[in-house]
Amino acid sequence: QVQLVESGGGLVQPGGSLRLSCAASGSIFRINAMGWYRQAPGKQRELVATGSTNYADSVKGRFTISRDNAKNTVYLQMNSLKPEDTAVYYCNADIASYSDYRVRSYWGQGTQVTVSS
């Protein structure tokens, strides 16, 4: 089995920073793409950042995605946070496991980010 576990969410004031982490574990043969999505109340889930250079326009220049392949972990550094960044943030990864070597898309359980004064 493969699991994605996020951490690092919380409550932060406008202008503040948070760093999210997402660690993949289990019977992993290979990890292809990893990325972050978010879903605000009453809205559809949207892409935040994937790969190393693909960002939503709303977060460009403020958020940075990075990856540690040795740890099977992807990070999202979020700076200059705004109230409109409030959402549940989800990690996503395309992973081939040792069970059958087929690539599947996996999601984490989500972590809440609240930006408020």
PDB file of N, CA and C in Angstrom:
ATOM      1  N   GLN A   1       0.832  -1.186   0.000  1.00  0.00           N
ATOM      2  CA  GLN A   1       0.000   0.000   0.000  1.00  0.00           C
ATOM      3  C   GLN A   1       0.873   1.245   0.000  1.00  0.00           C
ATOM      4  N   VAL A   2       0.342   2.294  -0.595  1.00  0.00           N
ATOM      5  CA  VAL A   2       1.030   3.579  -0.648  1.00  0.00           C
ATOM      6  C   VAL A   2       0.207   4.613   0.094  1.00  0.00           C
ATOM      7  N   GLN A   3       0.872   5.440   0.861  1.00  0.00           N
ATOM      8  CA  GLN A   3       0.192   6.502   1.600  1.00  0.00           C
ATOM      9  C   GLN A   3       0.917   7.817   1.418  1.00  0.00           C
ATOM     10  N   LEU A   4       0.136   8.900   1.414  1.00  0.00           N
ATOM     11  CA  LEU A   4       0.672  10.257   1.447  1.00  0.00           C
ATOM     12  C   LEU A   4       0.180  10.908   2.734  1.00  0.00           C
ATOM     13  N   VAL A   5       1.096  11.468   3.489  1.00  0.00           N
ATOM     14  CA  VAL A   5       0.727  12.099   4.744  1.00  0.00           C
ATOM     15  C   VAL A   5       1.248  13.535   4.748  1.00  0.00           C
ATOM     16  N   GLU A   6       0.310  14.486   4.860  1.00  0.00           N
ATOM     17  CA  GLU A   6       0.670  15.899   4.904  1.00  0.00           C
ATOM     18  C   GLU A   6       0.835  16.369   6.345  1.00  0.00           C
ATOM     19  N   SER A   7       1.602  17.427   6.505  1.00  0.00           N
ATOM     20  CA  SER A   7       1.742  18.085   7.798  1.00  0.00           C
ATOM     21  C   SER A   7       2.138  19.535   7.563  1.00  0.00           C
ATOM     22  N   GLY A   8       1.992  20.348   8.625  1.00  0.00           N
ATOM     23  CA  GLY A   8       2.462  21.723   8.563  1.00  0.00           C
ATOM     24  C   GLY A   8       1.396  22.782   8.451  1.00  0.00           C
ATOM     25  N   GLY A   9       0.141  22.384   8.348  1.00  0.00           N
ATOM     26  CA  GLY A   9      -0.914  23.379   8.272  1.00  0.00           C
ATOM     27  C   GLY A   9      -1.146  24.043   9.611  1.00  0.00           C
ATOM     28  N   GLY A  10      -2.010  25.051   9.597  1.00  0.00           N
ATOM     29  CA  GLY A  10      -2.330  25.742  10.837  1.00  0.00           C
ATOM     30  C   GLY A  10      -2.923  27.100  10.593  1.00  0.00           C
ATOM     31  N   LEU A  11      -2.972  27.885  11.668  1.00  0.00           N
ATOM     32  CA  LEU A  11      -3.503  29.249  11.631  1.00  0.00           C
ATOM     33  C   LEU A  11      -2.337  30.234  11.569  1.00  0.00           C
ATOM     34  N   VAL A  12      -2.410  31.167  10.639  1.00  0.00           N
ATOM     35  CA  VAL A  12      -1.345  32.148  10.491  1.00  0.00           C
ATOM     36  C   VAL A  12      -1.969  33.501  10.148  1.00  0.00           C
ATOM     37  N   GLN A  13      -1.316  34.570  10.559  1.00  0.00           N
ATOM     38  CA  GLN A  13      -1.810  35.904  10.260  1.00  0.00           C
ATOM     39  C   GLN A  13      -1.476  36.285   8.810  1.00  0.00           C
ATOM     40  N   PRO A  14      -2.256  37.185   8.233  1.00  0.00           N
ATOM     41  CA  PRO A  14      -1.923  37.672   6.885  1.00  0.00           C
ATOM     42  C   PRO A  14      -0.498  38.201   6.833  1.00  0.00           C
ATOM     43  N   GLY A  15       0.197  37.846   5.749  1.00  0.00           N
ATOM     44  CA  GLY A  15       1.589  38.229   5.612  1.00  0.00           C
ATOM     45  C   GLY A  15       2.565  37.207   6.170  1.00  0.00           C
ATOM     46  N   GLY A  16       2.048  36.222   6.892  1.00  0.00           N
ATOM     47  CA  GLY A  16       2.892  35.208   7.495  1.00  0.00           C
ATOM     48  C   GLY A  16       3.282  34.097   6.535  1.00  0.00           C
ATOM     49  N   SER A  17       3.973  33.106   7.087  1.00  0.00           N
ATOM     50  CA  SER A  17       4.480  31.990   6.284  1.00  0.00           C
ATOM     51  C   SER A  17       4.154  30.652   6.937  1.00  0.00           C
ATOM     52  N   LEU A  18       4.022  29.653   6.105  1.00  0.00           N
ATOM     53  CA  LEU A  18       3.884  28.262   6.542  1.00  0.00           C
ATOM     54  C   LEU A  18       4.631  27.367   5.561  1.00  0.00           C
ATOM     55  N   ARG A  19       5.068  26.232   6.053  1.00  0.00           N
ATOM     56  CA  ARG A  19       5.698  25.239   5.184  1.00  0.00           C
ATOM     57  C   ARG A  19       4.966  23.922   5.341  1.00  0.00           C
ATOM     58  N   LEU A  20       4.388  23.447   4.247  1.00  0.00           N
ATOM     59  CA  LEU A  20       3.712  22.167   4.245  1.00  0.00           C
ATOM     60  C   LEU A  20       4.664  21.077   3.782  1.00  0.00           C
ATOM     61  N   SER A  21       4.474  19.888   4.341  1.00  0.00           N
ATOM     62  CA  SER A  21       5.252  18.727   3.929  1.00  0.00           C
ATOM     63  C   SER A  21       4.306  17.594   3.564  1.00  0.00           C
ATOM     64  N   CYS A  22       4.738  16.763   2.642  1.00  0.00           N
ATOM     65  CA  CYS A  22       3.967  15.583   2.251  1.00  0.00           C
ATOM     66  C   CYS A  22       4.935  14.442   2.011  1.00  0.00           C
ATOM     67  N   ALA A  23       4.819  13.418   2.832  1.00  0.00           N
ATOM     68  CA  ALA A  23       5.723  12.274   2.722  1.00  0.00           C
ATOM     69  C   ALA A  23       4.974  11.069   2.172  1.00  0.00           C
ATOM     70  N   ALA A  24       5.555  10.460   1.163  1.00  0.00           N
ATOM     71  CA  ALA A  24       4.998   9.231   0.588  1.00  0.00           C
ATOM     72  C   ALA A  24       5.689   8.031   1.227  1.00  0.00           C
ATOM     73  N   SER A  25       4.891   7.018   1.546  1.00  0.00           N
ATOM     74  CA  SER A  25       5.454   5.821   2.163  1.00  0.00           C
ATOM     75  C   SER A  25       4.749   4.581   1.638  1.00  0.00           C
ATOM     76  N   GLY A  26       5.373   3.440   1.889  1.00  0.00           N
ATOM     77  CA  GLY A  26       4.787   2.182   1.446  1.00  0.00           C
ATOM     78  C   GLY A  26       5.663   1.485   0.426  1.00  0.00           C
ATOM     79  N   SER A  27       5.019   0.637  -0.363  1.00  0.00           N
ATOM     80  CA  SER A  27       5.729  -0.178  -1.334  1.00  0.00           C
ATOM     81  C   SER A  27       5.920   0.600  -2.638  1.00  0.00           C
ATOM     82  N   ILE A  28       6.837   1.553  -2.597  1.00  0.00           N
ATOM     83  CA  ILE A  28       7.028   2.487  -3.706  1.00  0.00           C
ATOM     84  C   ILE A  28       8.157   2.043  -4.615  1.00  0.00           C
ATOM     85  N   PHE A  29       7.825   1.864  -5.890  1.00  0.00           N
ATOM     86  CA  PHE A  29       8.841   1.562  -6.890  1.00  0.00           C
ATOM     87  C   PHE A  29       9.397   2.844  -7.484  1.00  0.00           C
ATOM     88  N   ARG A  30       8.487   3.745  -7.868  1.00  0.00           N
ATOM     89  CA  ARG A  30       8.912   5.006  -8.469  1.00  0.00           C
ATOM     90  C   ARG A  30       7.838   6.064  -8.257  1.00  0.00           C
ATOM     91  N   ILE A  31       8.285   7.288  -7.986  1.00  0.00           N
ATOM     92  CA  ILE A  31       7.375   8.435  -7.895  1.00  0.00           C
ATOM     93  C   ILE A  31       7.606   9.329  -9.106  1.00  0.00           C
ATOM     94  N   ASN A  32       6.546   9.584  -9.831  1.00  0.00           N
ATOM     95  CA  ASN A  32       6.648  10.509 -10.964  1.00  0.00           C
ATOM     96  C   ASN A  32       6.348  11.917 -10.464  1.00  0.00           C
ATOM     97  N   ALA A  33       5.265  12.499 -10.887  1.00  0.00           N
ATOM     98  CA  ALA A  33       4.967  13.874 -10.497  1.00  0.00           C
ATOM     99  C   ALA A  33       4.448  13.947  -9.067  1.00  0.00           C
ATOM    100  N   MET A  34       4.767  15.047  -8.404  1.00  0.00           N
ATOM    101  CA  MET A  34       4.210  15.360  -7.089  1.00  0.00           C
ATOM    102  C   MET A  34       3.745  16.807  -7.121  1.00  0.00           C
ATOM    103  N   GLY A  35       2.674  17.074  -6.399  1.00  0.00           N
ATOM    104  CA  GLY A  35       2.178  18.446  -6.417  1.00  0.00           C
ATOM    105  C   GLY A  35       1.213  18.730  -5.299  1.00  0.00           C
ATOM    106  N   TRP A  36       0.745  19.971  -5.289  1.00  0.00           N
ATOM    107  CA  TRP A  36      -0.175  20.445  -4.260  1.00  0.00           C
ATOM    108  C   TRP A  36      -1.430  21.028  -4.891  1.00  0.00           C
ATOM    109  N   TYR A  37      -2.556  20.754  -4.267  1.00  0.00           N
ATOM    110  CA  TYR A  37      -3.840  21.314  -4.648  1.00  0.00           C
ATOM    111  C   TYR A  37      -4.491  21.867  -3.395  1.00  0.00           C
ATOM    112  N   ARG A  38      -5.544  22.666  -3.580  1.00  0.00           N
ATOM    113  CA  ARG A  38      -6.272  23.180  -2.422  1.00  0.00           C
ATOM    114  C   ARG A  38      -7.747  23.294  -2.751  1.00  0.00           C
ATOM    115  N   GLN A  39      -8.542  23.259  -1.676  1.00  0.00           N
ATOM    116  CA  GLN A  39      -9.987  23.402  -1.828  1.00  0.00           C
ATOM    117  C   GLN A  39     -10.514  24.290  -0.715  1.00  0.00           C
ATOM    118  N   ALA A  40     -11.061  25.419  -1.122  1.00  0.00           N
ATOM    119  CA  ALA A  40     -11.679  26.348  -0.174  1.00  0.00           C
ATOM    120  C   ALA A  40     -13.147  25.987  -0.017  1.00  0.00           C
ATOM    121  N   PRO A  41     -13.777  26.402   1.092  1.00  0.00           N
ATOM    122  CA  PRO A  41     -15.193  26.087   1.311  1.00  0.00           C
ATOM    123  C   PRO A  41     -16.059  26.579   0.148  1.00  0.00           C
ATOM    124  N   GLY A  42     -16.894  25.692  -0.366  1.00  0.00           N
ATOM    125  CA  GLY A  42     -17.802  26.058  -1.441  1.00  0.00           C
ATOM    126  C   GLY A  42     -17.176  26.168  -2.808  1.00  0.00           C
ATOM    127  N   LYS A  43     -15.896  25.805  -2.919  1.00  0.00           N
ATOM    128  CA  LYS A  43     -15.205  25.908  -4.206  1.00  0.00           C
ATOM    129  C   LYS A  43     -14.653  24.556  -4.626  1.00  0.00           C
ATOM    130  N   GLN A  44     -14.318  24.455  -5.909  1.00  0.00           N
ATOM    131  CA  GLN A  44     -13.724  23.228  -6.412  1.00  0.00           C
ATOM    132  C   GLN A  44     -12.241  23.162  -6.054  1.00  0.00           C
ATOM    133  N   ARG A  45     -11.731  21.956  -6.012  1.00  0.00           N
ATOM    134  CA  ARG A  45     -10.308  21.770  -5.773  1.00  0.00           C
ATOM    135  C   ARG A  45      -9.530  22.354  -6.952  1.00  0.00           C
ATOM    136  N   GLU A  46      -8.454  23.073  -6.637  1.00  0.00           N
ATOM    137  CA  GLU A  46      -7.669  23.711  -7.679  1.00  0.00           C
ATOM    138  C   GLU A  46      -6.184  23.414  -7.509  1.00  0.00           C
ATOM    139  N   LEU A  47      -5.473  23.461  -8.624  1.00  0.00           N
ATOM    140  CA  LEU A  47      -4.033  23.257  -8.587  1.00  0.00           C
ATOM    141  C   LEU A  47      -3.345  24.449  -7.924  1.00  0.00           C
ATOM    142  N   VAL A  48      -2.369  24.142  -7.084  1.00  0.00           N
ATOM    143  CA  VAL A  48      -1.533  25.182  -6.480  1.00  0.00           C
ATOM    144  C   VAL A  48      -0.154  25.165  -7.144  1.00  0.00           C
ATOM    145  N   ALA A  49       0.476  24.008  -7.126  1.00  0.00           N
ATOM    146  CA  ALA A  49       1.817  23.894  -7.713  1.00  0.00           C
ATOM    147  C   ALA A  49       2.112  22.437  -8.013  1.00  0.00           C
ATOM    148  N   THR A  50       2.744  22.180  -9.135  1.00  0.00           N
ATOM    149  CA  THR A  50       3.201  20.833  -9.467  1.00  0.00           C
ATOM    150  C   THR A  50       4.573  20.903 -10.121  1.00  0.00           C
ATOM    151  N   GLY A  51       5.262  19.766 -10.119  1.00  0.00           N
ATOM    152  CA  GLY A  51       6.595  19.728 -10.696  1.00  0.00           C
ATOM    153  C   GLY A  51       7.512  20.683  -9.964  1.00  0.00           C
ATOM    154  N   SER A  52       8.256  21.461 -10.706  1.00  0.00           N
ATOM    155  CA  SER A  52       9.142  22.427 -10.077  1.00  0.00           C
ATOM    156  C   SER A  52       8.852  23.858 -10.510  1.00  0.00           C
ATOM    157  N   THR A  53       8.040  24.010 -11.564  1.00  0.00           N
ATOM    158  CA  THR A  53       7.844  25.358 -12.094  1.00  0.00           C
ATOM    159  C   THR A  53       6.400  25.692 -12.436  1.00  0.00           C
ATOM    160  N   ASN A  54       5.477  24.799 -12.201  1.00  0.00           N
ATOM    161  CA  ASN A  54       4.085  25.023 -12.574  1.00  0.00           C
ATOM    162  C   ASN A  54       3.293  25.527 -11.372  1.00  0.00           C
ATOM    163  N   TYR A  55       2.914  26.781 -11.409  1.00  0.00           N
ATOM    164  CA  TYR A  55       2.198  27.404 -10.296  1.00  0.00           C
ATOM    165  C   TYR A  55       0.907  28.048 -10.774  1.00  0.00           C
ATOM    166  N   ALA A  56      -0.085  28.041  -9.891  1.00  0.00           N
ATOM    167  CA  ALA A  56      -1.281  28.832 -10.156  1.00  0.00           C
ATOM    168  C   ALA A  56      -0.894  30.315 -10.149  1.00  0.00           C
ATOM    169  N   ASP A  57      -1.538  31.086 -10.994  1.00  0.00           N
ATOM    170  CA  ASP A  57      -1.213  32.522 -11.068  1.00  0.00           C
ATOM    171  C   ASP A  57      -1.365  33.203  -9.713  1.00  0.00           C
ATOM    172  N   SER A  58      -2.331  32.761  -8.928  1.00  0.00           N
ATOM    173  CA  SER A  58      -2.625  33.416  -7.651  1.00  0.00           C
ATOM    174  C   SER A  58      -1.520  33.230  -6.617  1.00  0.00           C
ATOM    175  N   VAL A  59      -0.619  32.277  -6.833  1.00  0.00           N
ATOM    176  CA  VAL A  59       0.431  32.023  -5.827  1.00  0.00           C
ATOM    177  C   VAL A  59       1.834  32.281  -6.364  1.00  0.00           C
ATOM    178  N   LYS A  60       1.954  32.609  -7.636  1.00  0.00           N
ATOM    179  CA  LYS A  60       3.279  32.852  -8.219  1.00  0.00           C
ATOM    180  C   LYS A  60       3.995  33.964  -7.468  1.00  0.00           C
ATOM    181  N   GLY A  61       5.263  33.718  -7.170  1.00  0.00           N
ATOM    182  CA  GLY A  61       6.068  34.696  -6.463  1.00  0.00           C
ATOM    183  C   GLY A  61       5.927  34.627  -4.954  1.00  0.00           C
ATOM    184  N   ARG A  62       4.948  33.862  -4.467  1.00  0.00           N
ATOM    185  CA  ARG A  62       4.741  33.747  -3.019  1.00  0.00           C
ATOM    186  C   ARG A  62       4.976  32.324  -2.516  1.00  0.00           C
ATOM    187  N   PHE A  63       4.619  31.329  -3.330  1.00  0.00           N
ATOM    188  CA  PHE A  63       4.750  29.927  -2.937  1.00  0.00           C
ATOM    189  C   PHE A  63       5.886  29.280  -3.734  1.00  0.00           C
ATOM    190  N   THR A  64       6.554  28.326  -3.080  1.00  0.00           N
ATOM    191  CA  THR A  64       7.623  27.578  -3.745  1.00  0.00           C
ATOM    192  C   THR A  64       7.464  26.094  -3.446  1.00  0.00           C
ATOM    193  N   ILE A  65       7.435  25.290  -4.503  1.00  0.00           N
ATOM    194  CA  ILE A  65       7.370  23.843  -4.339  1.00  0.00           C
ATOM    195  C   ILE A  65       8.782  23.278  -4.484  1.00  0.00           C
ATOM    196  N   SER A  66       9.083  22.283  -3.633  1.00  0.00           N
ATOM    197  CA  SER A  66      10.373  21.616  -3.739  1.00  0.00           C
ATOM    198  C   SER A  66      10.198  20.152  -3.365  1.00  0.00           C
ATOM    199  N   ARG A  67      11.197  19.358  -3.666  1.00  0.00           N
ATOM    200  CA  ARG A  67      11.063  17.917  -3.494  1.00  0.00           C
ATOM    201  C   ARG A  67      12.389  17.329  -3.035  1.00  0.00           C
ATOM    202  N   ASP A  68      12.302  16.404  -2.092  1.00  0.00           N
ATOM    203  CA  ASP A  68      13.464  15.653  -1.625  1.00  0.00           C
ATOM    204  C   ASP A  68      13.247  14.199  -2.044  1.00  0.00           C
ATOM    205  N   ASN A  69      13.870  13.795  -3.113  1.00  0.00           N
ATOM    206  CA  ASN A  69      13.643  12.456  -3.639  1.00  0.00           C
ATOM    207  C   ASN A  69      14.128  11.366  -2.686  1.00  0.00           C
ATOM    208  N   ALA A  70      15.165  11.652  -1.940  1.00  0.00           N
ATOM    209  CA  ALA A  70      15.694  10.651  -1.006  1.00  0.00           C
ATOM    210  C   ALA A  70      14.697  10.347   0.104  1.00  0.00           C
ATOM    211  N   LYS A  71      13.862  11.333   0.423  1.00  0.00           N
ATOM    212  CA  LYS A  71      12.869  11.170   1.490  1.00  0.00           C
ATOM    213  C   LYS A  71      11.458  10.960   0.945  1.00  0.00           C
ATOM    214  N   ASN A  72      11.313  10.891  -0.359  1.00  0.00           N
ATOM    215  CA  ASN A  72       9.981  10.755  -0.980  1.00  0.00           C
ATOM    216  C   ASN A  72       9.033  11.829  -0.465  1.00  0.00           C
ATOM    217  N   THR A  73       9.522  13.032  -0.358  1.00  0.00           N
ATOM    218  CA  THR A  73       8.769  14.124   0.262  1.00  0.00           C
ATOM    219  C   THR A  73       8.734  15.340  -0.652  1.00  0.00           C
ATOM    220  N   VAL A  74       7.570  15.983  -0.677  1.00  0.00           N
ATOM    221  CA  VAL A  74       7.405  17.245  -1.391  1.00  0.00           C
ATOM    222  C   VAL A  74       6.994  18.308  -0.385  1.00  0.00           C
ATOM    223  N   TYR A  75       7.484  19.521  -0.602  1.00  0.00           N
ATOM    224  CA  TYR A  75       7.229  20.623   0.306  1.00  0.00           C
ATOM    225  C   TYR A  75       6.535  21.764  -0.430  1.00  0.00           C
ATOM    226  N   LEU A  76       5.841  22.582   0.333  1.00  0.00           N
ATOM    227  CA  LEU A  76       5.268  23.806  -0.213  1.00  0.00           C
ATOM    228  C   LEU A  76       5.559  24.924   0.782  1.00  0.00           C
ATOM    229  N   GLN A  77       6.482  25.794   0.410  1.00  0.00           N
ATOM    230  CA  GLN A  77       6.786  26.962   1.230  1.00  0.00           C
ATOM    231  C   GLN A  77       5.845  28.080   0.813  1.00  0.00           C
ATOM    232  N   MET A  78       5.061  28.568   1.760  1.00  0.00           N
ATOM    233  CA  MET A  78       4.054  29.587   1.473  1.00  0.00           C
ATOM    234  C   MET A  78       4.409  30.861   2.233  1.00  0.00           C
ATOM    235  N   ASN A  79       4.707  31.909   1.505  1.00  0.00           N
ATOM    236  CA  ASN A  79       5.046  33.207   2.091  1.00  0.00           C
ATOM    237  C   ASN A  79       3.991  34.240   1.722  1.00  0.00           C
ATOM    238  N   SER A  80       4.001  35.344   2.433  1.00  0.00           N
ATOM    239  CA  SER A  80       3.071  36.451   2.166  1.00  0.00           C
ATOM    240  C   SER A  80       1.641  35.946   2.045  1.00  0.00           C
ATOM    241  N   LEU A  81       1.241  35.143   2.995  1.00  0.00           N
ATOM    242  CA  LEU A  81      -0.075  34.520   2.940  1.00  0.00           C
ATOM    243  C   LEU A  81      -1.189  35.545   3.042  1.00  0.00           C
ATOM    244  N   LYS A  82      -2.270  35.250   2.322  1.00  0.00           N
ATOM    245  CA  LYS A  82      -3.438  36.120   2.277  1.00  0.00           C
ATOM    246  C   LYS A  82      -4.656  35.351   2.772  1.00  0.00           C
ATOM    247  N   PRO A  83      -5.685  36.059   3.235  1.00  0.00           N
ATOM    248  CA  PRO A  83      -6.907  35.357   3.678  1.00  0.00           C
ATOM    249  C   PRO A  83      -7.487  34.449   2.590  1.00  0.00           C
ATOM    250  N   GLU A  84      -7.345  34.826   1.333  1.00  0.00           N
ATOM    251  CA  GLU A  84      -7.881  34.010   0.249  1.00  0.00           C
ATOM    252  C   GLU A  84      -7.084  32.726   0.007  1.00  0.00           C
ATOM    253  N   ASP A  85      -5.969  32.561   0.709  1.00  0.00           N
ATOM    254  CA  ASP A  85      -5.228  31.299   0.646  1.00  0.00           C
ATOM    255  C   ASP A  85      -5.813  30.256   1.598  1.00  0.00           C
ATOM    256  N   THR A  86      -6.769  30.661   2.413  1.00  0.00           N
ATOM    257  CA  THR A  86      -7.406  29.735   3.353  1.00  0.00           C
ATOM    258  C   THR A  86      -8.081  28.597   2.602  1.00  0.00           C
ATOM    259  N   ALA A  87      -7.718  27.374   2.947  1.00  0.00           N
ATOM    260  CA  ALA A  87      -8.244  26.196   2.258  1.00  0.00           C
ATOM    261  C   ALA A  87      -7.676  24.943   2.913  1.00  0.00           C
ATOM    262  N   VAL A  88      -8.218  23.803   2.518  1.00  0.00           N
ATOM    263  CA  VAL A  88      -7.580  22.531   2.828  1.00  0.00           C
ATOM    264  C   VAL A  88      -6.610  22.228   1.686  1.00  0.00           C
ATOM    265  N   TYR A  89      -5.372  21.980   2.041  1.00  0.00           N
ATOM    266  CA  TYR A  89      -4.332  21.715   1.049  1.00  0.00           C
ATOM    267  C   TYR A  89      -4.076  20.208   0.962  1.00  0.00           C
ATOM    268  N   TYR A  90      -4.067  19.724  -0.275  1.00  0.00           N
ATOM    269  CA  TYR A  90      -3.902  18.295  -0.534  1.00  0.00           C
ATOM    270  C   TYR A  90      -2.636  18.037  -1.347  1.00  0.00           C
ATOM    271  N   CYS A  91      -1.949  16.998  -0.968  1.00  0.00           N
ATOM    272  CA  CYS A  91      -0.800  16.524  -1.727  1.00  0.00           C
ATOM    273  C   CYS A  91      -1.280  15.471  -2.733  1.00  0.00           C
ATOM    274  N   ASN A  92      -0.679  15.467  -3.895  1.00  0.00           N
ATOM    275  CA  ASN A  92      -0.989  14.485  -4.932  1.00  0.00           C
ATOM    276  C   ASN A  92       0.299  13.949  -5.533  1.00  0.00           C
ATOM    277  N   ALA A  93       0.319  12.671  -5.805  1.00  0.00           N
ATOM    278  CA  ALA A  93       1.517  12.084  -6.413  1.00  0.00           C
ATOM    279  C   ALA A  93       1.138  10.925  -7.331  1.00  0.00           C
ATOM    280  N   ASP A  94       1.853  10.806  -8.421  1.00  0.00           N
ATOM    281  CA  ASP A  94       1.700   9.683  -9.346  1.00  0.00           C
ATOM    282  C   ASP A  94       2.796   8.670  -9.023  1.00  0.00           C
ATOM    283  N   ILE A  95       2.368   7.514  -8.532  1.00  0.00           N
ATOM    284  CA  ILE A  95       3.308   6.548  -7.965  1.00  0.00           C
ATOM    285  C   ILE A  95       3.075   5.160  -8.546  1.00  0.00           C
ATOM    286  N   ALA A  96       4.190   4.507  -8.873  1.00  0.00           N
ATOM    287  CA  ALA A  96       4.149   3.095  -9.242  1.00  0.00           C
ATOM    288  C   ALA A  96       4.608   2.288  -8.033  1.00  0.00           C
ATOM    289  N   SER A  97       3.808   1.335  -7.630  1.00  0.00           N
ATOM    290  CA  SER A  97       4.174   0.512  -6.481  1.00  0.00           C
ATOM    291  C   SER A  97       4.749  -0.813  -6.951  1.00  0.00           C
ATOM    292  N   TYR A  98       5.367  -1.523  -6.009  1.00  0.00           N
ATOM    293  CA  TYR A  98       5.956  -2.815  -6.331  1.00  0.00           C
ATOM    294  C   TYR A  98       4.895  -3.898  -6.581  1.00  0.00           C
ATOM    295  N   SER A  99       3.633  -3.598  -6.261  1.00  0.00           N
ATOM    296  CA  SER A  99       2.595  -4.624  -6.419  1.00  0.00           C
ATOM    297  C   SER A  99       2.381  -4.995  -7.881  1.00  0.00           C
ATOM    298  N   ASP A 100       2.332  -3.946  -8.758  1.00  0.00           N
ATOM    299  CA  ASP A 100       2.127  -4.250 -10.171  1.00  0.00           C
ATOM    300  C   ASP A 100       2.835  -3.278 -11.114  1.00  0.00           C
ATOM    301  N   TYR A 101       3.559  -2.324 -10.540  1.00  0.00           N
ATOM    302  CA  TYR A 101       4.340  -1.349 -11.303  1.00  0.00           C
ATOM    303  C   TYR A 101       3.492  -0.412 -12.156  1.00  0.00           C
ATOM    304  N   ARG A 102       2.189  -0.390 -11.947  1.00  0.00           N
ATOM    305  CA  ARG A 102       1.331   0.553 -12.665  1.00  0.00           C
ATOM    306  C   ARG A 102       1.328   1.889 -11.931  1.00  0.00           C
ATOM    307  N   VAL A 103       1.309   2.971 -12.671  1.00  0.00           N
ATOM    308  CA  VAL A 103       1.297   4.303 -12.072  1.00  0.00           C
ATOM    309  C   VAL A 103      -0.136   4.683 -11.711  1.00  0.00           C
ATOM    310  N   ARG A 104      -0.336   5.040 -10.459  1.00  0.00           N
ATOM    311  CA  ARG A 104      -1.640   5.489  -9.980  1.00  0.00           C
ATOM    312  C   ARG A 104      -1.496   6.848  -9.318  1.00  0.00           C
ATOM    313  N   SER A 105      -2.608   7.570  -9.266  1.00  0.00           N
ATOM    314  CA  SER A 105      -2.619   8.876  -8.613  1.00  0.00           C
ATOM    315  C   SER A 105      -3.108   8.711  -7.186  1.00  0.00           C
ATOM    316  N   TYR A 106      -2.314   9.216  -6.255  1.00  0.00           N
ATOM    317  CA  TYR A 106      -2.653   9.118  -4.834  1.00  0.00           C
ATOM    318  C   TYR A 106      -2.846  10.518  -4.257  1.00  0.00           C
ATOM    319  N   TRP A 107      -3.727  10.590  -3.240  1.00  0.00           N
ATOM    320  CA  TRP A 107      -4.011  11.850  -2.544  1.00  0.00           C
ATOM    321  C   TRP A 107      -3.765  11.690  -1.055  1.00  0.00           C
ATOM    322  N   GLY A 108      -3.286  12.749  -0.442  1.00  0.00           N
ATOM    323  CA  GLY A 108      -3.195  12.780   1.003  1.00  0.00           C
ATOM    324  C   GLY A 108      -4.537  13.115   1.616  1.00  0.00           C
ATOM    325  N   GLN A 109      -4.571  13.155   2.943  1.00  0.00           N
ATOM    326  CA  GLN A 109      -5.833  13.390   3.663  1.00  0.00           C
ATOM    327  C   GLN A 109      -6.173  14.866   3.757  1.00  0.00           C
ATOM    328  N   GLY A 110      -5.213  15.716   3.452  1.00  0.00           N
ATOM    329  CA  GLY A 110      -5.434  17.156   3.500  1.00  0.00           C
ATOM    330  C   GLY A 110      -4.997  17.767   4.818  1.00  0.00           C
ATOM    331  N   THR A 111      -4.550  19.007   4.733  1.00  0.00           N
ATOM    332  CA  THR A 111      -4.180  19.753   5.929  1.00  0.00           C
ATOM    333  C   THR A 111      -4.765  21.162   5.823  1.00  0.00           C
ATOM    334  N   GLN A 112      -5.360  21.631   6.907  1.00  0.00           N
ATOM    335  CA  GLN A 112      -6.057  22.917   6.898  1.00  0.00           C
ATOM    336  C   GLN A 112      -5.067  24.066   7.049  1.00  0.00           C
ATOM    337  N   VAL A 113      -5.198  25.044   6.185  1.00  0.00           N
ATOM    338  CA  VAL A 113      -4.455  26.299   6.302  1.00  0.00           C
ATOM    339  C   VAL A 113      -5.470  27.421   6.442  1.00  0.00           C
ATOM    340  N   THR A 114      -5.358  28.174   7.526  1.00  0.00           N
ATOM    341  CA  THR A 114      -6.263  29.295   7.780  1.00  0.00           C
ATOM    342  C   THR A 114      -5.442  30.563   7.943  1.00  0.00           C
ATOM    343  N   VAL A 115      -5.745  31.549   7.117  1.00  0.00           N
ATOM    344  CA  VAL A 115      -5.042  32.831   7.176  1.00  0.00           C
ATOM    345  C   VAL A 115      -6.031  33.866   7.681  1.00  0.00           C
ATOM    346  N   SER A 116      -5.796  34.340   8.900  1.00  0.00           N
ATOM    347  CA  SER A 116      -6.743  35.254   9.522  1.00  0.00           C
ATOM    348  C   SER A 116      -6.054  36.043  10.623  1.00  0.00           C
ATOM    349  N   SER A 117      -6.519  37.268  10.816  1.00  0.00           N
ATOM    350  CA  SER A 117      -5.998  38.067  11.913  1.00  0.00           C
ATOM    351  C   SER A 117      -6.889  37.940  13.138  1.00  0.00           C
TER     352      SER A 117
END
